[in-house]
Amino acid sequence: MTIALTLQVYLDRKGVEYDLVEHRPTRSSMSTARACHIAARCLAKAVVLRRRDGYLLAILPASRHVRLRKLKAALGEELTLATEHELDQLIRDCAHGAVPPIGECYGLDVVIEDSVFDQPEVYFEGGDHATLVHMSQAQFARLTREALHGNFSARNRGPTPKGN
């Protein structure tokens, strides 16, 4: 089991307590939740968005999807999904589509869906498609305390690609 070096160094520097959960390789956040036998609402996924002056990392439960129109209105700016090429350039030490929802270690501003904080534990991609990072809500909240918060998602109706 491994996690992205950038993420590991950041978590260790912050003194965060976490453990790793190995699982069979998966292609979507919902598949990951099923493979790990965890509720999809406890699995935080990251969606990278392009904005006028850079990028924004939106964090939400795997059971939900971003409502771009609502997020655009709340932030008062244009947002679009980052391209696959942009993802690979921004998050260099992660497998394609396995973006950890910890924006600070990658120099990204963050907005978090309020419902992420409804669960006592948080799981998220560690940078590959076979390892989750698991920590308490208190630890995750400490890592994301500078992030914007909002209500900008809706329940998934079907499978969604990992990382978007």
Protein backbone atom coordinates (compact mmCIF):
# COMPACT_ATOMS: atom_id res chain seq x y z
CA MET A 1 0.00 0.00 0.00
CA THR A 2 1.27 3.41 -0.90
CA ILE A 3 0.05 6.95 -0.98
CA ALA A 4 1.35 9.85 -3.02
CA LEU A 5 4.60 11.17 -1.58
CA THR A 6 3.33 14.78 -1.60
CA LEU A 7 0.30 13.72 0.44
CA GLN A 8 2.29 11.53 2.83
CA VAL A 9 4.82 14.28 3.57
CA TYR A 10 2.00 16.80 4.10
CA LEU A 11 0.03 14.53 6.47
CA ASP A 12 3.15 13.65 8.45
CA ARG A 13 4.23 17.30 8.67
CA LYS A 14 0.75 18.22 10.01
CA GLY A 15 0.92 15.40 12.58
CA VAL A 16 -2.29 13.81 11.32
CA GLU A 17 -3.28 10.36 12.54
CA TYR A 18 -4.44 8.14 9.68
CA ASP A 19 -4.32 4.61 8.45
CA LEU A 20 -4.36 3.07 4.99
CA VAL A 21 -6.98 0.73 3.56
CA GLU A 22 -5.96 -1.45 0.65
CA HIS A 23 -8.62 -2.50 -1.86
CA ARG A 24 -8.87 -4.06 -5.28
CA PRO A 25 -8.27 -1.50 -8.04
CA THR A 26 -11.43 0.37 -8.98
CA ARG A 27 -12.46 2.88 -11.64
CA SER A 28 -14.98 5.06 -9.77
CA SER A 29 -15.55 6.42 -6.29
CA MET A 30 -18.77 4.45 -5.91
CA SER A 31 -16.94 1.23 -6.90
CA THR A 32 -14.26 2.02 -4.34
CA ALA A 33 -16.84 2.45 -1.58
CA ARG A 34 -18.43 -0.89 -2.51
CA ALA A 35 -15.04 -2.65 -2.68
CA CYS A 36 -14.13 -1.33 0.78
CA HIS A 37 -17.56 -1.98 2.30
CA ILE A 38 -17.94 1.62 3.41
CA ALA A 39 -20.85 3.98 2.90
CA ALA A 40 -20.29 6.19 -0.16
CA ARG A 41 -21.18 9.23 1.96
CA CYS A 42 -18.02 8.54 4.04
CA LEU A 43 -15.73 8.52 0.99
CA ALA A 44 -14.64 12.07 0.14
CA LYS A 45 -13.84 12.59 -3.52
CA ALA A 46 -12.08 15.48 -5.20
CA VAL A 47 -13.16 17.29 -8.35
CA VAL A 48 -10.70 19.73 -9.89
CA LEU A 49 -12.28 22.81 -11.43
CA ARG A 50 -10.73 25.47 -13.63
CA ARG A 51 -11.41 29.06 -12.63
CA ARG A 52 -10.35 32.41 -14.06
CA ASP A 53 -7.13 32.62 -12.04
CA GLY A 54 -6.22 28.97 -11.55
CA TYR A 55 -7.87 25.90 -10.12
CA LEU A 56 -10.20 24.96 -7.31
CA LEU A 57 -10.56 21.60 -5.61
CA ALA A 58 -14.16 20.72 -4.76
CA ILE A 59 -14.57 18.03 -2.11
CA LEU A 60 -17.80 16.09 -1.77
CA PRO A 61 -19.05 12.63 -0.78
CA ALA A 62 -18.73 9.90 -3.41
CA SER A 63 -22.51 9.50 -3.19
CA ARG A 64 -23.00 12.99 -4.68
CA HIS A 65 -22.04 15.01 -7.77
CA VAL A 66 -21.12 18.66 -8.21
CA ARG A 67 -23.89 21.02 -9.29
CA LEU A 68 -21.65 23.40 -11.21
CA ARG A 69 -24.35 26.00 -11.75
CA LYS A 70 -25.00 26.23 -8.01
CA LEU A 71 -21.29 26.41 -7.18
CA LYS A 72 -20.70 29.07 -9.86
CA ALA A 73 -23.51 31.17 -8.40
CA ALA A 74 -22.22 30.78 -4.84
CA LEU A 75 -18.67 31.76 -5.77
CA GLY A 76 -19.63 34.38 -8.33
CA GLU A 77 -17.25 33.12 -10.98
CA GLU A 78 -17.08 30.84 -14.00
CA LEU A 79 -16.00 27.28 -13.32
CA THR A 80 -15.42 24.34 -15.65
CA LEU A 81 -14.09 20.85 -15.08
CA ALA A 82 -10.33 20.61 -15.46
CA THR A 83 -9.17 18.49 -18.37
CA GLU A 84 -7.40 15.18 -17.91
CA HIS A 85 -4.17 16.81 -19.10
CA GLU A 86 -4.55 19.60 -16.52
CA LEU A 87 -5.14 17.04 -13.77
CA ASP A 88 -1.98 15.19 -14.71
CA GLN A 89 0.02 18.45 -14.64
CA LEU A 90 -1.41 19.64 -11.30
CA ILE A 91 -1.30 16.37 -9.39
CA ARG A 92 1.87 14.79 -10.77
CA ASP A 93 2.50 12.08 -8.20
CA CYS A 94 -0.96 10.49 -8.36
CA ALA A 95 -2.44 7.96 -10.73
CA HIS A 96 -4.71 9.52 -13.32
CA GLY A 97 -8.05 10.28 -11.65
CA ALA A 98 -6.96 9.40 -8.11
CA VAL A 99 -6.90 12.95 -6.75
CA PRO A 100 -6.70 13.21 -2.95
CA PRO A 101 -9.14 15.76 -1.46
CA ILE A 102 -6.39 17.68 0.30
CA GLY A 103 -5.81 20.72 -1.85
CA GLU A 104 -3.31 22.57 0.31
CA CYS A 105 -0.53 20.05 -0.32
CA TYR A 106 -0.95 20.63 -4.08
CA GLY A 107 -1.32 24.41 -3.82
CA LEU A 108 -5.05 24.38 -4.62
CA ASP A 109 -7.84 26.41 -3.06
CA VAL A 110 -10.59 24.19 -1.67
CA VAL A 111 -14.37 24.27 -1.34
CA ILE A 112 -16.06 21.53 0.68
CA GLU A 113 -19.62 20.31 0.44
CA ASP A 114 -21.13 20.72 3.92
CA SER A 115 -22.38 17.12 3.99
CA VAL A 116 -18.78 15.83 4.14
CA PHE A 117 -18.79 16.89 7.80
CA ASP A 118 -21.86 14.77 8.66
CA GLN A 119 -19.84 11.57 9.05
CA PRO A 120 -17.63 10.60 12.03
CA GLU A 121 -14.93 9.16 9.74
CA VAL A 122 -13.54 10.13 6.34
CA TYR A 123 -11.94 7.96 3.68
CA PHE A 124 -10.30 9.26 0.52
CA GLU A 125 -8.02 8.33 -2.36
CA GLY A 126 -4.37 8.27 -1.44
CA GLY A 127 -3.13 8.84 -4.96
CA ASP A 128 -3.65 5.46 -6.60
CA HIS A 129 -6.70 3.35 -7.37
CA ALA A 130 -6.05 0.73 -4.69
CA THR A 131 -5.36 2.64 -1.45
CA LEU A 132 -7.62 4.77 0.72
CA VAL A 133 -6.55 7.06 3.52
CA HIS A 134 -8.80 6.79 6.59
CA MET A 135 -8.99 9.32 9.40
CA SER A 136 -11.39 10.75 11.93
CA GLN A 137 -13.64 13.66 11.02
CA ALA A 138 -11.73 15.79 13.54
CA GLN A 139 -8.43 15.13 11.75
CA PHE A 140 -9.96 15.86 8.32
CA ALA A 141 -11.61 19.04 9.60
CA ARG A 142 -8.26 20.19 10.96
CA LEU A 143 -6.67 19.69 7.53
CA THR A 144 -9.42 21.59 5.73
CA ARG A 145 -10.21 24.35 8.21
CA GLU A 146 -9.17 27.10 5.76
CA ALA A 147 -11.47 25.82 3.00
CA LEU A 148 -14.66 27.46 1.83
CA HIS A 149 -17.83 25.56 2.69
CA GLY A 150 -21.10 25.28 0.86
CA ASN A 151 -24.01 23.22 -0.34
CA PHE A 152 -23.31 22.56 -4.01
CA SER A 153 -24.00 18.90 -4.72
CA ALA A 154 -26.81 16.50 -5.50
CA ARG A 155 -27.23 12.76 -5.05
CA ASN A 156 -25.73 10.56 -7.75
CA ARG A 157 -28.16 8.82 -10.04
CA GLY A 158 -25.56 6.56 -11.64
CA PRO A 159 -21.83 5.87 -11.84
CA THR A 160 -19.47 8.84 -12.09
CA PRO A 161 -15.82 8.84 -13.12
CA LYS A 162 -13.27 8.96 -10.33
CA GLY A 163 -11.84 12.45 -9.76
CA ASN A 164 -14.70 14.23 -11.55
